[in-house]
């Protein structure tokens, strides 16, 4: 069974939180400061909206695609 987009994004953020610059991601997506950090702090409560999940998912795809294509600008 395919995981939902929310489950994939939340898992990806959790697994990679030690190597991510959360503040940069928040700025890049136009989120308020600390928005993603609250997700980590209060993990059992869903703090990210569906729209935010979609934007993070799109950023992840953009980053992966730029790596696969060898482009430098994201």
PDB file of N, CA and C in Angstrom:
ATOM      1  N   UNK A   1       0.830  -1.174   0.000  1.00  0.00           N
ATOM      2  CA  UNK A   1       0.000   0.000   0.000  1.00  0.00           C
ATOM      3  C   UNK A   1       0.881   1.246   0.000  1.00  0.00           C
ATOM      4  N   UNK A   2       0.529   2.180  -0.832  1.00  0.00           N
ATOM      5  CA  UNK A   2       1.296   3.409  -0.954  1.00  0.00           C
ATOM      6  C   UNK A   2       1.037   4.321   0.240  1.00  0.00           C
ATOM      7  N   UNK A   3       2.117   4.902   0.790  1.00  0.00           N
ATOM      8  CA  UNK A   3       1.977   5.821   1.915  1.00  0.00           C
ATOM      9  C   UNK A   3       1.369   7.124   1.437  1.00  0.00           C
ATOM     10  N   UNK A   4       0.646   7.769   2.322  1.00  0.00           N
ATOM     11  CA  UNK A   4       0.083   9.068   1.988  1.00  0.00           C
ATOM     12  C   UNK A   4       1.211  10.095   1.891  1.00  0.00           C
ATOM     13  N   UNK A   5       0.919  11.178   1.204  1.00  0.00           N
ATOM     14  CA  UNK A   5       1.915  12.234   1.050  1.00  0.00           C
ATOM     15  C   UNK A   5       2.325  12.772   2.421  1.00  0.00           C
ATOM     16  N   UNK A   6       1.357  12.948   3.323  1.00  0.00           N
ATOM     17  CA  UNK A   6       1.656  13.437   4.671  1.00  0.00           C
ATOM     18  C   UNK A   6       2.625  12.497   5.384  1.00  0.00           C
ATOM     19  N   UNK A   7       2.360  11.203   5.315  1.00  0.00           N
ATOM     20  CA  UNK A   7       3.223  10.227   5.982  1.00  0.00           C
ATOM     21  C   UNK A   7       4.633  10.260   5.405  1.00  0.00           C
ATOM     22  N   UNK A   8       4.740  10.355   4.071  1.00  0.00           N
ATOM     23  CA  UNK A   8       6.072  10.409   3.438  1.00  0.00           C
ATOM     24  C   UNK A   8       6.829  11.647   3.861  1.00  0.00           C
ATOM     25  N   UNK A   9       6.166  12.813   3.824  1.00  0.00           N
ATOM     26  CA  UNK A   9       6.832  14.072   4.166  1.00  0.00           C
ATOM     27  C   UNK A   9       7.242  14.078   5.635  1.00  0.00           C
ATOM     28  N   UNK A  10       6.324  13.677   6.522  1.00  0.00           N
ATOM     29  CA  UNK A  10       6.649  13.664   7.947  1.00  0.00           C
ATOM     30  C   UNK A  10       7.797  12.709   8.247  1.00  0.00           C
ATOM     31  N   UNK A  11       7.808  11.550   7.622  1.00  0.00           N
ATOM     32  CA  UNK A  11       8.889  10.588   7.827  1.00  0.00           C
ATOM     33  C   UNK A  11      10.202  11.149   7.296  1.00  0.00           C
ATOM     34  N   UNK A  12      10.173  11.766   6.097  1.00  0.00           N
ATOM     35  CA  UNK A  12      11.383  12.324   5.500  1.00  0.00           C
ATOM     36  C   UNK A  12      11.953  13.421   6.389  1.00  0.00           C
ATOM     37  N   UNK A  13      11.095  14.296   6.896  1.00  0.00           N
ATOM     38  CA  UNK A  13      11.561  15.364   7.785  1.00  0.00           C
ATOM     39  C   UNK A  13      12.178  14.785   9.052  1.00  0.00           C
ATOM     40  N   UNK A  14      11.526  13.791   9.618  1.00  0.00           N
ATOM     41  CA  UNK A  14      12.009  13.182  10.861  1.00  0.00           C
ATOM     42  C   UNK A  14      13.342  12.474  10.659  1.00  0.00           C
ATOM     43  N   UNK A  15      13.462  11.711   9.590  1.00  0.00           N
ATOM     44  CA  UNK A  15      14.695  10.962   9.323  1.00  0.00           C
ATOM     45  C   UNK A  15      15.861  11.908   9.034  1.00  0.00           C
ATOM     46  N   UNK A  16      15.589  13.011   8.351  1.00  0.00           N
ATOM     47  CA  UNK A  16      16.658  13.908   7.910  1.00  0.00           C
ATOM     48  C   UNK A  16      16.808  15.171   8.745  1.00  0.00           C
ATOM     49  N   UNK A  17      16.135  15.255   9.878  1.00  0.00           N
ATOM     50  CA  UNK A  17      16.157  16.506  10.645  1.00  0.00           C
ATOM     51  C   UNK A  17      17.555  16.900  11.119  1.00  0.00           C
ATOM     52  N   UNK A  18      18.437  15.938  11.309  1.00  0.00           N
ATOM     53  CA  UNK A  18      19.788  16.251  11.781  1.00  0.00           C
ATOM     54  C   UNK A  18      20.674  16.871  10.703  1.00  0.00           C
ATOM     55  N   UNK A  19      20.295  16.727   9.438  1.00  0.00           N
ATOM     56  CA  UNK A  19      21.122  17.289   8.372  1.00  0.00           C
ATOM     57  C   UNK A  19      20.443  18.455   7.666  1.00  0.00           C
ATOM     58  N   UNK A  20      19.219  18.763   8.036  1.00  0.00           N
ATOM     59  CA  UNK A  20      18.472  19.838   7.385  1.00  0.00           C
ATOM     60  C   UNK A  20      18.637  21.161   8.127  1.00  0.00           C
ATOM     61  N   UNK A  21      18.643  22.229   7.389  1.00  0.00           N
ATOM     62  CA  UNK A  21      18.570  23.575   7.947  1.00  0.00           C
ATOM     63  C   UNK A  21      17.107  23.979   7.872  1.00  0.00           C
ATOM     64  N   UNK A  22      16.398  23.737   8.951  1.00  0.00           N
ATOM     65  CA  UNK A  22      14.952  23.943   8.979  1.00  0.00           C
ATOM     66  C   UNK A  22      14.596  25.406   8.692  1.00  0.00           C
ATOM     67  N   UNK A  23      15.357  26.340   9.241  1.00  0.00           N
ATOM     68  CA  UNK A  23      15.074  27.764   9.032  1.00  0.00           C
ATOM     69  C   UNK A  23      15.156  28.133   7.552  1.00  0.00           C
ATOM     70  N   UNK A  24      16.083  27.536   6.830  1.00  0.00           N
ATOM     71  CA  UNK A  24      16.228  27.808   5.402  1.00  0.00           C
ATOM     72  C   UNK A  24      15.010  27.282   4.641  1.00  0.00           C
ATOM     73  N   UNK A  25      14.558  26.093   4.998  1.00  0.00           N
ATOM     74  CA  UNK A  25      13.376  25.518   4.349  1.00  0.00           C
ATOM     75  C   UNK A  25      12.154  26.398   4.626  1.00  0.00           C
ATOM     76  N   UNK A  26      11.998  26.834   5.871  1.00  0.00           N
ATOM     77  CA  UNK A  26      10.868  27.694   6.227  1.00  0.00           C
ATOM     78  C   UNK A  26      10.903  28.998   5.440  1.00  0.00           C
ATOM     79  N   UNK A  27      12.076  29.622   5.338  1.00  0.00           N
ATOM     80  CA  UNK A  27      12.213  30.869   4.572  1.00  0.00           C
ATOM     81  C   UNK A  27      11.918  30.645   3.105  1.00  0.00           C
ATOM     82  N   UNK A  28      12.458  29.578   2.559  1.00  0.00           N
ATOM     83  CA  UNK A  28      12.293  29.270   1.134  1.00  0.00           C
ATOM     84  C   UNK A  28      10.825  29.088   0.772  1.00  0.00           C
ATOM     85  N   UNK A  29      10.063  28.454   1.662  1.00  0.00           N
ATOM     86  CA  UNK A  29       8.661  28.185   1.399  1.00  0.00           C
ATOM     87  C   UNK A  29       7.736  29.288   1.904  1.00  0.00           C
ATOM     88  N   UNK A  30       8.295  30.281   2.604  1.00  0.00           N
ATOM     89  CA  UNK A  30       7.494  31.389   3.095  1.00  0.00           C
ATOM     90  C   UNK A  30       6.688  31.058   4.338  1.00  0.00           C
ATOM     91  N   UNK A  31       7.125  30.049   5.080  1.00  0.00           N
ATOM     92  CA  UNK A  31       6.446  29.675   6.323  1.00  0.00           C
ATOM     93  C   UNK A  31       6.883  30.627   7.428  1.00  0.00           C
ATOM     94  N   UNK A  32       6.050  30.755   8.446  1.00  0.00           N
ATOM     95  CA  UNK A  32       6.448  31.547   9.596  1.00  0.00           C
ATOM     96  C   UNK A  32       7.601  30.836  10.306  1.00  0.00           C
ATOM     97  N   UNK A  33       8.411  31.635  10.963  1.00  0.00           N
ATOM     98  CA  UNK A  33       9.593  31.104  11.631  1.00  0.00           C
ATOM     99  C   UNK A  33       9.177  30.117  12.727  1.00  0.00           C
ATOM    100  N   UNK A  34       9.784  28.941  12.731  1.00  0.00           N
ATOM    101  CA  UNK A  34       9.517  27.934  13.738  1.00  0.00           C
ATOM    102  C   UNK A  34       8.369  26.997  13.394  1.00  0.00           C
ATOM    103  N   UNK A  35       7.774  27.153  12.215  1.00  0.00           N
ATOM    104  CA  UNK A  35       6.615  26.344  11.837  1.00  0.00           C
ATOM    105  C   UNK A  35       6.968  24.856  11.772  1.00  0.00           C
ATOM    106  N   UNK A  36       8.049  24.515  11.106  1.00  0.00           N
ATOM    107  CA  UNK A  36       8.460  23.114  10.997  1.00  0.00           C
ATOM    108  C   UNK A  36       9.060  22.648  12.320  1.00  0.00           C
ATOM    109  N   UNK A  37       9.732  23.532  13.025  1.00  0.00           N
ATOM    110  CA  UNK A  37      10.309  23.178  14.328  1.00  0.00           C
ATOM    111  C   UNK A  37       9.218  22.745  15.309  1.00  0.00           C
ATOM    112  N   UNK A  38       8.049  23.373  15.232  1.00  0.00           N
ATOM    113  CA  UNK A  38       6.930  22.979  16.094  1.00  0.00           C
ATOM    114  C   UNK A  38       6.482  21.556  15.788  1.00  0.00           C
ATOM    115  N   UNK A  39       6.584  21.169  14.523  1.00  0.00           N
ATOM    116  CA  UNK A  39       6.250  19.793  14.146  1.00  0.00           C
ATOM    117  C   UNK A  39       7.135  18.812  14.901  1.00  0.00           C
ATOM    118  N   UNK A  40       8.430  19.104  15.008  1.00  0.00           N
ATOM    119  CA  UNK A  40       9.351  18.219  15.721  1.00  0.00           C
ATOM    120  C   UNK A  40       9.103  18.256  17.226  1.00  0.00           C
ATOM    121  N   UNK A  41       8.816  19.433  17.743  1.00  0.00           N
ATOM    122  CA  UNK A  41       8.623  19.586  19.181  1.00  0.00           C
ATOM    123  C   UNK A  41       7.358  18.880  19.656  1.00  0.00           C
ATOM    124  N   UNK A  42       6.296  19.013  18.910  1.00  0.00           N
ATOM    125  CA  UNK A  42       5.017  18.423  19.287  1.00  0.00           C
ATOM    126  C   UNK A  42       4.636  17.368  18.257  1.00  0.00           C
ATOM    127  N   UNK A  43       5.441  16.324  18.186  1.00  0.00           N
ATOM    128  CA  UNK A  43       5.338  15.338  17.118  1.00  0.00           C
ATOM    129  C   UNK A  43       3.989  14.620  17.064  1.00  0.00           C
ATOM    130  N   UNK A  44       3.398  14.355  18.215  1.00  0.00           N
ATOM    131  CA  UNK A  44       2.141  13.620  18.219  1.00  0.00           C
ATOM    132  C   UNK A  44       0.963  14.450  17.715  1.00  0.00           C
ATOM    133  N   UNK A  45       1.112  15.757  17.772  1.00  0.00           N
ATOM    134  CA  UNK A  45       0.063  16.642  17.278  1.00  0.00           C
ATOM    135  C   UNK A  45       0.470  17.117  15.888  1.00  0.00           C
ATOM    136  N   UNK A  46      -0.413  17.000  14.947  1.00  0.00           N
ATOM    137  CA  UNK A  46      -0.093  17.443  13.585  1.00  0.00           C
ATOM    138  C   UNK A  46      -0.136  18.951  13.521  1.00  0.00           C
ATOM    139  N   UNK A  47       1.004  19.552  13.296  1.00  0.00           N
ATOM    140  CA  UNK A  47       1.112  20.999  13.255  1.00  0.00           C
ATOM    141  C   UNK A  47       1.218  21.537  11.834  1.00  0.00           C
ATOM    142  N   UNK A  48       1.442  20.670  10.863  1.00  0.00           N
ATOM    143  CA  UNK A  48       1.584  21.114   9.485  1.00  0.00           C
ATOM    144  C   UNK A  48       0.254  20.931   8.759  1.00  0.00           C
ATOM    145  N   UNK A  49      -0.166  21.963   8.046  1.00  0.00           N
ATOM    146  CA  UNK A  49      -1.411  21.883   7.294  1.00  0.00           C
ATOM    147  C   UNK A  49      -1.192  21.088   6.014  1.00  0.00           C
ATOM    148  N   UNK A  50      -2.277  20.719   5.375  1.00  0.00           N
ATOM    149  CA  UNK A  50      -2.184  19.985   4.116  1.00  0.00           C
ATOM    150  C   UNK A  50      -1.462  20.814   3.063  1.00  0.00           C
ATOM    151  N   UNK A  51      -1.722  22.105   3.024  1.00  0.00           N
ATOM    152  CA  UNK A  51      -1.039  22.975   2.058  1.00  0.00           C
ATOM    153  C   UNK A  51       0.466  22.995   2.328  1.00  0.00           C
ATOM    154  N   UNK A  52       0.859  23.075   3.586  1.00  0.00           N
ATOM    155  CA  UNK A  52       2.282  23.063   3.922  1.00  0.00           C
ATOM    156  C   UNK A  52       2.920  21.736   3.551  1.00  0.00           C
ATOM    157  N   UNK A  53       2.209  20.637   3.801  1.00  0.00           N
ATOM    158  CA  UNK A  53       2.713  19.317   3.416  1.00  0.00           C
ATOM    159  C   UNK A  53       2.934  19.274   1.910  1.00  0.00           C
ATOM    160  N   UNK A  54       1.988  19.791   1.139  1.00  0.00           N
ATOM    161  CA  UNK A  54       2.121  19.806  -0.320  1.00  0.00           C
ATOM    162  C   UNK A  54       3.314  20.638  -0.773  1.00  0.00           C
ATOM    163  N   UNK A  55       3.538  21.782  -0.129  1.00  0.00           N
ATOM    164  CA  UNK A  55       4.674  22.639  -0.492  1.00  0.00           C
ATOM    165  C   UNK A  55       6.004  21.974  -0.145  1.00  0.00           C
ATOM    166  N   UNK A  56       6.082  21.326   1.010  1.00  0.00           N
ATOM    167  CA  UNK A  56       7.306  20.618   1.398  1.00  0.00           C
ATOM    168  C   UNK A  56       7.555  19.456   0.441  1.00  0.00           C
ATOM    169  N   UNK A  57       6.493  18.723   0.099  1.00  0.00           N
ATOM    170  CA  UNK A  57       6.607  17.611  -0.842  1.00  0.00           C
ATOM    171  C   UNK A  57       7.148  18.093  -2.188  1.00  0.00           C
ATOM    172  N   UNK A  58       6.636  19.218  -2.663  1.00  0.00           N
ATOM    173  CA  UNK A  58       7.108  19.767  -3.935  1.00  0.00           C
ATOM    174  C   UNK A  58       8.579  20.169  -3.853  1.00  0.00           C
ATOM    175  N   UNK A  59       8.990  20.756  -2.720  1.00  0.00           N
ATOM    176  CA  UNK A  59      10.394  21.130  -2.539  1.00  0.00           C
ATOM    177  C   UNK A  59      11.294  19.900  -2.548  1.00  0.00           C
ATOM    178  N   UNK A  60      10.862  18.828  -1.873  1.00  0.00           N
ATOM    179  CA  UNK A  60      11.640  17.590  -1.852  1.00  0.00           C
ATOM    180  C   UNK A  60      11.808  17.061  -3.276  1.00  0.00           C
ATOM    181  N   UNK A  61      10.730  17.046  -4.033  1.00  0.00           N
ATOM    182  CA  UNK A  61      10.804  16.580  -5.427  1.00  0.00           C
ATOM    183  C   UNK A  61      11.726  17.470  -6.257  1.00  0.00           C
ATOM    184  N   UNK A  62      11.652  18.766  -6.055  1.00  0.00           N
ATOM    185  CA  UNK A  62      12.502  19.705  -6.798  1.00  0.00           C
ATOM    186  C   UNK A  62      13.973  19.458  -6.484  1.00  0.00           C
ATOM    187  N   UNK A  63      14.282  19.251  -5.215  1.00  0.00           N
ATOM    188  CA  UNK A  63      15.667  18.997  -4.805  1.00  0.00           C
ATOM    189  C   UNK A  63      16.170  17.691  -5.422  1.00  0.00           C
ATOM    190  N   UNK A  64      15.353  16.654  -5.333  1.00  0.00           N
ATOM    191  CA  UNK A  64      15.751  15.354  -5.894  1.00  0.00           C
ATOM    192  C   UNK A  64      15.908  15.421  -7.407  1.00  0.00           C
ATOM    193  N   UNK A  65      14.986  16.088  -8.078  1.00  0.00           N
ATOM    194  CA  UNK A  65      15.067  16.219  -9.531  1.00  0.00           C
ATOM    195  C   UNK A  65      16.293  17.016  -9.953  1.00  0.00           C
ATOM    196  N   UNK A  66      16.607  18.085  -9.202  1.00  0.00           N
ATOM    197  CA  UNK A  66      17.775  18.880  -9.571  1.00  0.00           C
ATOM    198  C   UNK A  66      19.058  18.070  -9.393  1.00  0.00           C
ATOM    199  N   UNK A  67      19.092  17.185  -8.420  1.00  0.00           N
ATOM    200  CA  UNK A  67      20.239  16.301  -8.225  1.00  0.00           C
ATOM    201  C   UNK A  67      20.337  15.301  -9.371  1.00  0.00           C
ATOM    202  N   UNK A  68      19.212  14.681  -9.721  1.00  0.00           N
ATOM    203  CA  UNK A  68      19.192  13.696 -10.798  1.00  0.00           C
ATOM    204  C   UNK A  68      19.580  14.315 -12.136  1.00  0.00           C
ATOM    205  N   UNK A  69      19.156  15.560 -12.360  1.00  0.00           N
ATOM    206  CA  UNK A  69      19.415  16.217 -13.642  1.00  0.00           C
ATOM    207  C   UNK A  69      20.766  16.939 -13.665  1.00  0.00           C
ATOM    208  N   UNK A  70      21.413  17.032 -12.523  1.00  0.00           N
ATOM    209  CA  UNK A  70      22.713  17.678 -12.451  1.00  0.00           C
ATOM    210  C   UNK A  70      22.649  19.196 -12.494  1.00  0.00           C
ATOM    211  N   UNK A  71      21.482  19.770 -12.243  1.00  0.00           N
ATOM    212  CA  UNK A  71      21.357  21.222 -12.232  1.00  0.00           C
ATOM    213  C   UNK A  71      21.745  21.760 -10.874  1.00  0.00           C
ATOM    214  N   UNK A  72      22.205  22.995 -10.877  1.00  0.00           N
ATOM    215  CA  UNK A  72      22.652  23.604  -9.625  1.00  0.00           C
ATOM    216  C   UNK A  72      21.606  24.488  -8.989  1.00  0.00           C
ATOM    217  N   UNK A  73      20.781  25.140  -9.783  1.00  0.00           N
ATOM    218  CA  UNK A  73      19.750  26.018  -9.228  1.00  0.00           C
ATOM    219  C   UNK A  73      18.526  25.247  -8.842  1.00  0.00           C
ATOM    220  N   UNK A  74      18.044  25.507  -7.661  1.00  0.00           N
ATOM    221  CA  UNK A  74      16.842  24.831  -7.167  1.00  0.00           C
ATOM    222  C   UNK A  74      15.721  25.829  -7.121  1.00  0.00           C
TER     223      UNK A  74
END
